[in-house]
């Protein structure tokens, strides 16, 4: 899911946040409130539907993003709004938090439905300088339509060309994880100077070697920021959308990032 050129930047922020001696986390959000010191809402339809011909208009309204009982709800709605037929939310930590190497743990429940496309992912902090895909993209969780499958993918640029590599829970080197993605699961990403790997409930569903910039993967040794969103329609899920599913929500209990030292 490439970022649009219409990304909204906060006025001032630190590119990277260090862990506190009083906290086990490099960064975390337990979602007791929507913390605008941590998150920025991206607004609108983006360039070419956020680069994917998506059909939603992203808002910062409580109709599309709210907290209930310590859970973040990102809600996609069927409604006419600012010329679009659907609304949703896209939240990013760009300019407020980015990091290089570590472990992410997140407890998330995903929506399913024809045309729905939830994601928890990361983009290279230098996207405005080098553009996409040269900045790199790490898709920790993507799901589309009615599949109970989670996809993990890396996108980058090598030799001037786009490169893509991904796996999923339906077939990771012959192994398969049966999932009901609408229920909460613990998702994990591990990232050091050799490997990026992704897990759901300790089942590995994606791994890529980045050691010594293998395959032109130097982008993955630089800072990345976080994104959460639910798209409606687009190049991957397609443009047949089941309007009876709305409102449809992605639920996020927490995101916790631990700082790990790179492997020697």
Protein backbone atom coordinates (compact mmCIF):
# COMPACT_ATOMS: atom_id res chain seq x y z
CA UNK A 1 0.00 0.00 0.00
CA UNK A 2 2.16 2.89 -1.20
CA UNK A 3 1.77 6.25 0.52
CA UNK A 4 0.21 9.16 -1.29
CA UNK A 5 2.04 12.39 -1.98
CA UNK A 6 -0.62 14.14 0.10
CA UNK A 7 0.82 12.86 3.39
CA UNK A 8 0.18 15.39 6.17
CA UNK A 9 3.22 16.27 8.27
CA UNK A 10 3.07 17.42 11.89
CA UNK A 11 4.59 20.85 12.42
CA UNK A 12 7.34 19.70 14.75
CA UNK A 13 8.51 16.36 16.03
CA UNK A 14 11.44 14.15 16.78
CA UNK A 15 12.30 11.55 14.17
CA UNK A 16 13.17 8.85 16.67
CA UNK A 17 12.16 8.27 20.28
CA UNK A 18 14.45 6.53 22.73
CA UNK A 19 13.24 4.12 25.36
CA UNK A 20 12.81 5.37 28.92
CA UNK A 21 14.65 3.75 31.81
CA UNK A 22 11.24 3.43 33.47
CA UNK A 23 9.58 1.61 30.56
CA UNK A 24 10.30 -1.76 28.95
CA UNK A 25 9.16 -0.30 25.63
CA UNK A 26 10.84 1.75 22.98
CA UNK A 27 7.32 2.98 22.19
CA UNK A 28 3.82 1.75 23.01
CA UNK A 29 0.18 2.69 22.83
CA UNK A 30 -2.38 0.97 25.06
CA UNK A 31 -5.20 3.01 23.45
CA UNK A 32 -6.78 4.50 26.53
CA UNK A 33 -7.28 7.54 24.30
CA UNK A 34 -6.34 8.59 20.78
CA UNK A 35 -3.04 10.28 21.52
CA UNK A 36 -2.30 13.00 18.96
CA UNK A 37 1.22 13.27 20.36
CA UNK A 38 1.74 9.80 18.89
CA UNK A 39 -0.57 9.74 15.86
CA UNK A 40 -1.48 11.99 12.94
CA UNK A 41 -4.66 11.44 10.93
CA UNK A 42 -4.22 11.52 7.17
CA UNK A 43 -7.24 13.12 5.53
CA UNK A 44 -8.85 12.71 2.11
CA UNK A 45 -8.68 10.37 -0.85
CA UNK A 46 -4.95 10.71 -1.54
CA UNK A 47 -3.35 10.73 -4.96
CA UNK A 48 -4.97 8.05 -7.14
CA UNK A 49 -6.87 6.66 -4.15
CA UNK A 50 -3.72 6.48 -1.97
CA UNK A 51 -1.84 4.93 -4.86
CA UNK A 52 -4.21 1.94 -5.01
CA UNK A 53 -7.46 3.38 -6.43
CA UNK A 54 -9.14 2.95 -3.04
CA UNK A 55 -12.70 4.23 -2.66
CA UNK A 56 -12.80 5.65 0.87
CA UNK A 57 -12.32 9.17 2.21
CA UNK A 58 -10.14 9.14 5.33
CA UNK A 59 -11.32 11.34 8.19
CA UNK A 60 -10.35 12.19 11.77
CA UNK A 61 -13.99 12.01 12.93
CA UNK A 62 -15.18 9.93 15.86
CA UNK A 63 -17.49 8.19 13.38
CA UNK A 64 -14.36 6.57 11.93
CA UNK A 65 -11.93 6.34 14.86
CA UNK A 66 -12.77 6.07 18.54
CA UNK A 67 -11.76 4.39 21.78
CA UNK A 68 -14.08 2.09 23.72
CA UNK A 69 -13.00 0.03 26.75
CA UNK A 70 -9.33 0.52 25.94
CA UNK A 71 -9.71 -0.62 22.32
CA UNK A 72 -9.07 1.51 19.25
CA UNK A 73 -11.86 1.10 16.67
CA UNK A 74 -11.10 2.05 13.07
CA UNK A 75 -14.50 2.03 11.42
CA UNK A 76 -15.25 1.95 7.70
CA UNK A 77 -18.69 3.33 6.86
CA UNK A 78 -20.88 3.38 3.78
CA UNK A 79 -21.81 7.05 3.40
CA UNK A 80 -21.52 9.89 0.92
CA UNK A 81 -18.77 12.20 2.16
CA UNK A 82 -16.73 14.80 0.29
CA UNK A 83 -17.48 13.11 -3.03
CA UNK A 84 -16.59 9.60 -1.86
CA UNK A 85 -18.98 6.74 -1.19
CA UNK A 86 -17.19 5.42 1.90
CA UNK A 87 -15.27 6.77 4.91
CA UNK A 88 -12.60 5.31 7.12
CA UNK A 89 -9.43 6.28 9.01
CA UNK A 90 -5.70 6.19 8.37
CA UNK A 91 -3.40 6.95 11.33
CA UNK A 92 0.37 7.38 11.08
CA UNK A 93 3.30 8.11 13.40
CA UNK A 94 5.30 9.92 10.73
CA UNK A 95 7.35 12.74 12.25
CA UNK A 96 6.33 11.64 15.75
CA UNK A 97 7.92 8.20 16.03
CA UNK A 98 10.17 6.08 13.86
CA UNK A 99 12.70 3.39 14.63
CA UNK A 100 15.23 0.97 13.18
CA UNK A 101 15.38 -2.64 14.45
CA UNK A 102 13.24 -4.02 17.25
CA UNK A 103 10.26 -6.21 18.03
CA UNK A 104 6.66 -5.15 17.59
CA UNK A 105 3.82 -6.91 19.37
CA UNK A 106 0.23 -5.94 18.67
CA UNK A 107 -3.13 -7.43 19.62
CA UNK A 108 -5.53 -6.86 16.74
CA UNK A 109 -8.85 -8.13 15.38
CA UNK A 110 -9.44 -7.60 11.67
CA UNK A 111 -12.60 -7.02 9.63
CA UNK A 112 -13.63 -9.27 6.76
CA UNK A 113 -15.99 -8.52 3.88
CA UNK A 114 -16.02 -8.19 0.12
CA UNK A 115 -13.89 -5.18 -0.75
CA UNK A 116 -12.45 -4.57 2.74
CA UNK A 117 -8.68 -4.10 3.19
CA UNK A 118 -7.29 -3.55 6.74
CA UNK A 119 -3.58 -3.07 7.35
CA UNK A 120 -0.95 -2.52 10.04
CA UNK A 121 2.26 -1.54 8.29
CA UNK A 122 5.35 0.67 8.10
CA UNK A 123 6.97 3.05 5.63
CA UNK A 124 10.49 4.43 5.46
CA UNK A 125 10.79 7.78 7.19
CA UNK A 126 12.62 9.23 4.18
CA UNK A 127 9.64 8.78 1.84
CA UNK A 128 9.43 12.50 1.07
CA UNK A 129 13.07 12.57 0.02
CA UNK A 130 13.32 9.36 -2.02
CA UNK A 131 9.64 8.53 -2.75
CA UNK A 132 8.05 5.08 -2.82
CA UNK A 133 9.18 2.30 -3.20
CA UNK A 134 12.76 3.51 -2.59
CA UNK A 135 11.82 4.36 1.01
CA UNK A 136 10.81 0.74 1.65
CA UNK A 137 7.54 -0.67 2.96
CA UNK A 138 6.96 -3.38 5.58
CA UNK A 139 3.41 -4.75 5.63
CA UNK A 140 3.07 -6.56 8.95
CA UNK A 141 -0.63 -7.35 8.53
CA UNK A 142 -2.81 -7.11 5.44
CA UNK A 143 -6.05 -8.95 4.77
CA UNK A 144 -8.53 -8.68 1.92
CA UNK A 145 -12.14 -9.56 1.29
CA UNK A 146 -13.55 -12.55 3.19
CA UNK A 147 -10.29 -14.47 3.48
CA UNK A 148 -9.16 -15.59 6.92
CA UNK A 149 -5.57 -15.15 5.73
CA UNK A 150 -2.97 -12.64 6.89
CA UNK A 151 -0.30 -11.45 4.47
CA UNK A 152 3.18 -10.16 5.31
CA UNK A 153 5.07 -8.34 2.56
CA UNK A 154 8.11 -6.20 1.86
CA UNK A 155 8.33 -3.66 -0.95
CA UNK A 156 11.51 -1.79 -1.91
CA UNK A 157 13.53 -0.59 -4.89
CA UNK A 158 16.59 -2.23 -6.34
CA UNK A 159 18.40 -1.33 -9.54
CA UNK A 160 15.78 1.33 -10.19
CA UNK A 161 12.96 -1.23 -10.18
CA UNK A 162 10.25 -2.10 -7.66
CA UNK A 163 10.88 -5.30 -5.72
CA UNK A 164 8.27 -7.25 -3.75
CA UNK A 165 8.46 -10.29 -1.53
CA UNK A 166 5.70 -11.71 0.66
CA UNK A 167 4.19 -14.76 2.32
CA UNK A 168 0.97 -15.54 4.20
CA UNK A 169 -0.62 -17.71 6.86
CA UNK A 170 -2.22 -20.00 4.29
CA UNK A 171 1.10 -21.30 3.00
CA UNK A 172 4.47 -20.50 4.55
CA UNK A 173 6.88 -23.07 3.11
CA UNK A 174 4.18 -25.74 3.34
CA UNK A 175 2.91 -24.78 6.81
CA UNK A 176 -0.57 -23.35 7.35
CA UNK A 177 -2.27 -21.53 10.23
CA UNK A 178 -6.06 -21.77 10.52
CA UNK A 179 -7.29 -18.35 11.63
CA UNK A 180 -10.45 -16.46 12.38
CA UNK A 181 -8.97 -13.03 11.82
CA UNK A 182 -12.09 -11.32 13.21
CA UNK A 183 -10.96 -12.51 16.66
CA UNK A 184 -8.06 -10.96 18.55
CA UNK A 185 -4.65 -12.44 17.81
CA UNK A 186 -1.16 -11.42 18.86
CA UNK A 187 0.89 -10.31 15.88
CA UNK A 188 4.65 -9.88 16.10
CA UNK A 189 7.39 -8.49 13.91
CA UNK A 190 11.07 -9.10 14.64
CA UNK A 191 13.61 -6.94 12.83
CA UNK A 192 17.38 -6.86 13.11
CA UNK A 193 20.25 -6.27 10.69
CA UNK A 194 19.89 -9.78 9.28
CA UNK A 195 16.21 -10.72 9.14
CA UNK A 196 12.67 -9.37 9.18
CA UNK A 197 10.12 -11.97 10.35
CA UNK A 198 6.39 -11.88 11.11
CA UNK A 199 4.28 -14.08 13.38
CA UNK A 200 0.69 -14.54 14.49
CA UNK A 201 0.30 -16.34 17.82
CA UNK A 202 3.93 -17.51 17.36
CA UNK A 203 3.26 -18.98 13.90
CA UNK A 204 5.74 -17.55 11.42
CA UNK A 205 4.13 -16.41 8.18
CA UNK A 206 6.84 -14.28 6.59
CA UNK A 207 10.62 -13.90 6.65
CA UNK A 208 13.08 -12.00 4.50
CA UNK A 209 16.87 -11.76 4.68
CA UNK A 210 18.29 -8.24 4.63
CA UNK A 211 21.81 -9.14 5.75
CA UNK A 212 24.47 -7.16 3.89
CA UNK A 213 21.65 -5.47 1.92
CA UNK A 214 20.78 -8.75 0.18
CA UNK A 215 18.72 -8.09 -2.94
CA UNK A 216 19.18 -4.34 -2.64
CA UNK A 217 17.42 -4.18 0.74
CA UNK A 218 19.39 -1.25 2.19
CA UNK A 219 16.10 0.61 2.79
CA UNK A 220 15.35 -1.82 5.63
CA UNK A 221 18.32 -0.63 7.67
CA UNK A 222 16.83 2.85 8.11
CA UNK A 223 14.04 4.31 10.31
CA UNK A 224 10.41 3.41 9.64
CA UNK A 225 7.13 4.82 10.98
CA UNK A 226 3.83 3.05 11.71
CA UNK A 227 0.48 3.13 9.91
CA UNK A 228 -2.99 1.75 10.73
CA UNK A 229 -5.86 1.92 8.26
CA UNK A 230 -8.89 0.22 6.78
CA UNK A 231 -9.29 0.73 3.04
CA UNK A 232 -12.41 0.05 1.00
CA UNK A 233 -11.92 -1.31 -2.51
CA UNK A 234 -8.73 -0.88 -4.51
CA UNK A 235 -6.36 -2.71 -6.77
CA UNK A 236 -5.90 -5.71 -4.49
CA UNK A 237 -9.34 -6.48 -3.01
CA UNK A 238 -10.99 -5.33 -6.22
CA UNK A 239 -13.91 -3.03 -6.80
CA UNK A 240 -16.84 -5.29 -5.94
CA UNK A 241 -17.87 -4.10 -2.48
CA UNK A 242 -20.51 -5.64 -0.24
CA UNK A 243 -22.30 -2.63 1.21
CA UNK A 244 -24.22 -4.79 3.70
CA UNK A 245 -21.04 -5.25 5.79
CA UNK A 246 -20.87 -1.64 6.96
CA UNK A 247 -20.00 -0.40 9.46
CA UNK A 248 -16.99 -2.71 9.61
CA UNK A 249 -14.17 -2.28 12.10
CA UNK A 250 -10.54 -3.06 12.80
CA UNK A 251 -9.89 -3.35 16.56
CA UNK A 252 -6.51 -2.61 18.14
CA UNK A 253 -5.94 -3.44 21.82
CA UNK A 254 -2.29 -2.36 21.98
CA UNK A 255 0.94 -1.86 20.06
CA UNK A 256 4.22 -2.39 21.94
CA UNK A 257 7.71 -1.95 20.50
CA UNK A 258 10.78 -3.35 22.20
CA UNK A 259 14.27 -2.16 21.32
CA UNK A 260 16.54 -5.00 20.23
CA UNK A 261 20.23 -4.63 19.54
CA UNK A 262 21.26 -5.77 16.03
CA UNK A 263 22.83 -9.21 15.83
CA UNK A 264 26.64 -8.91 15.63
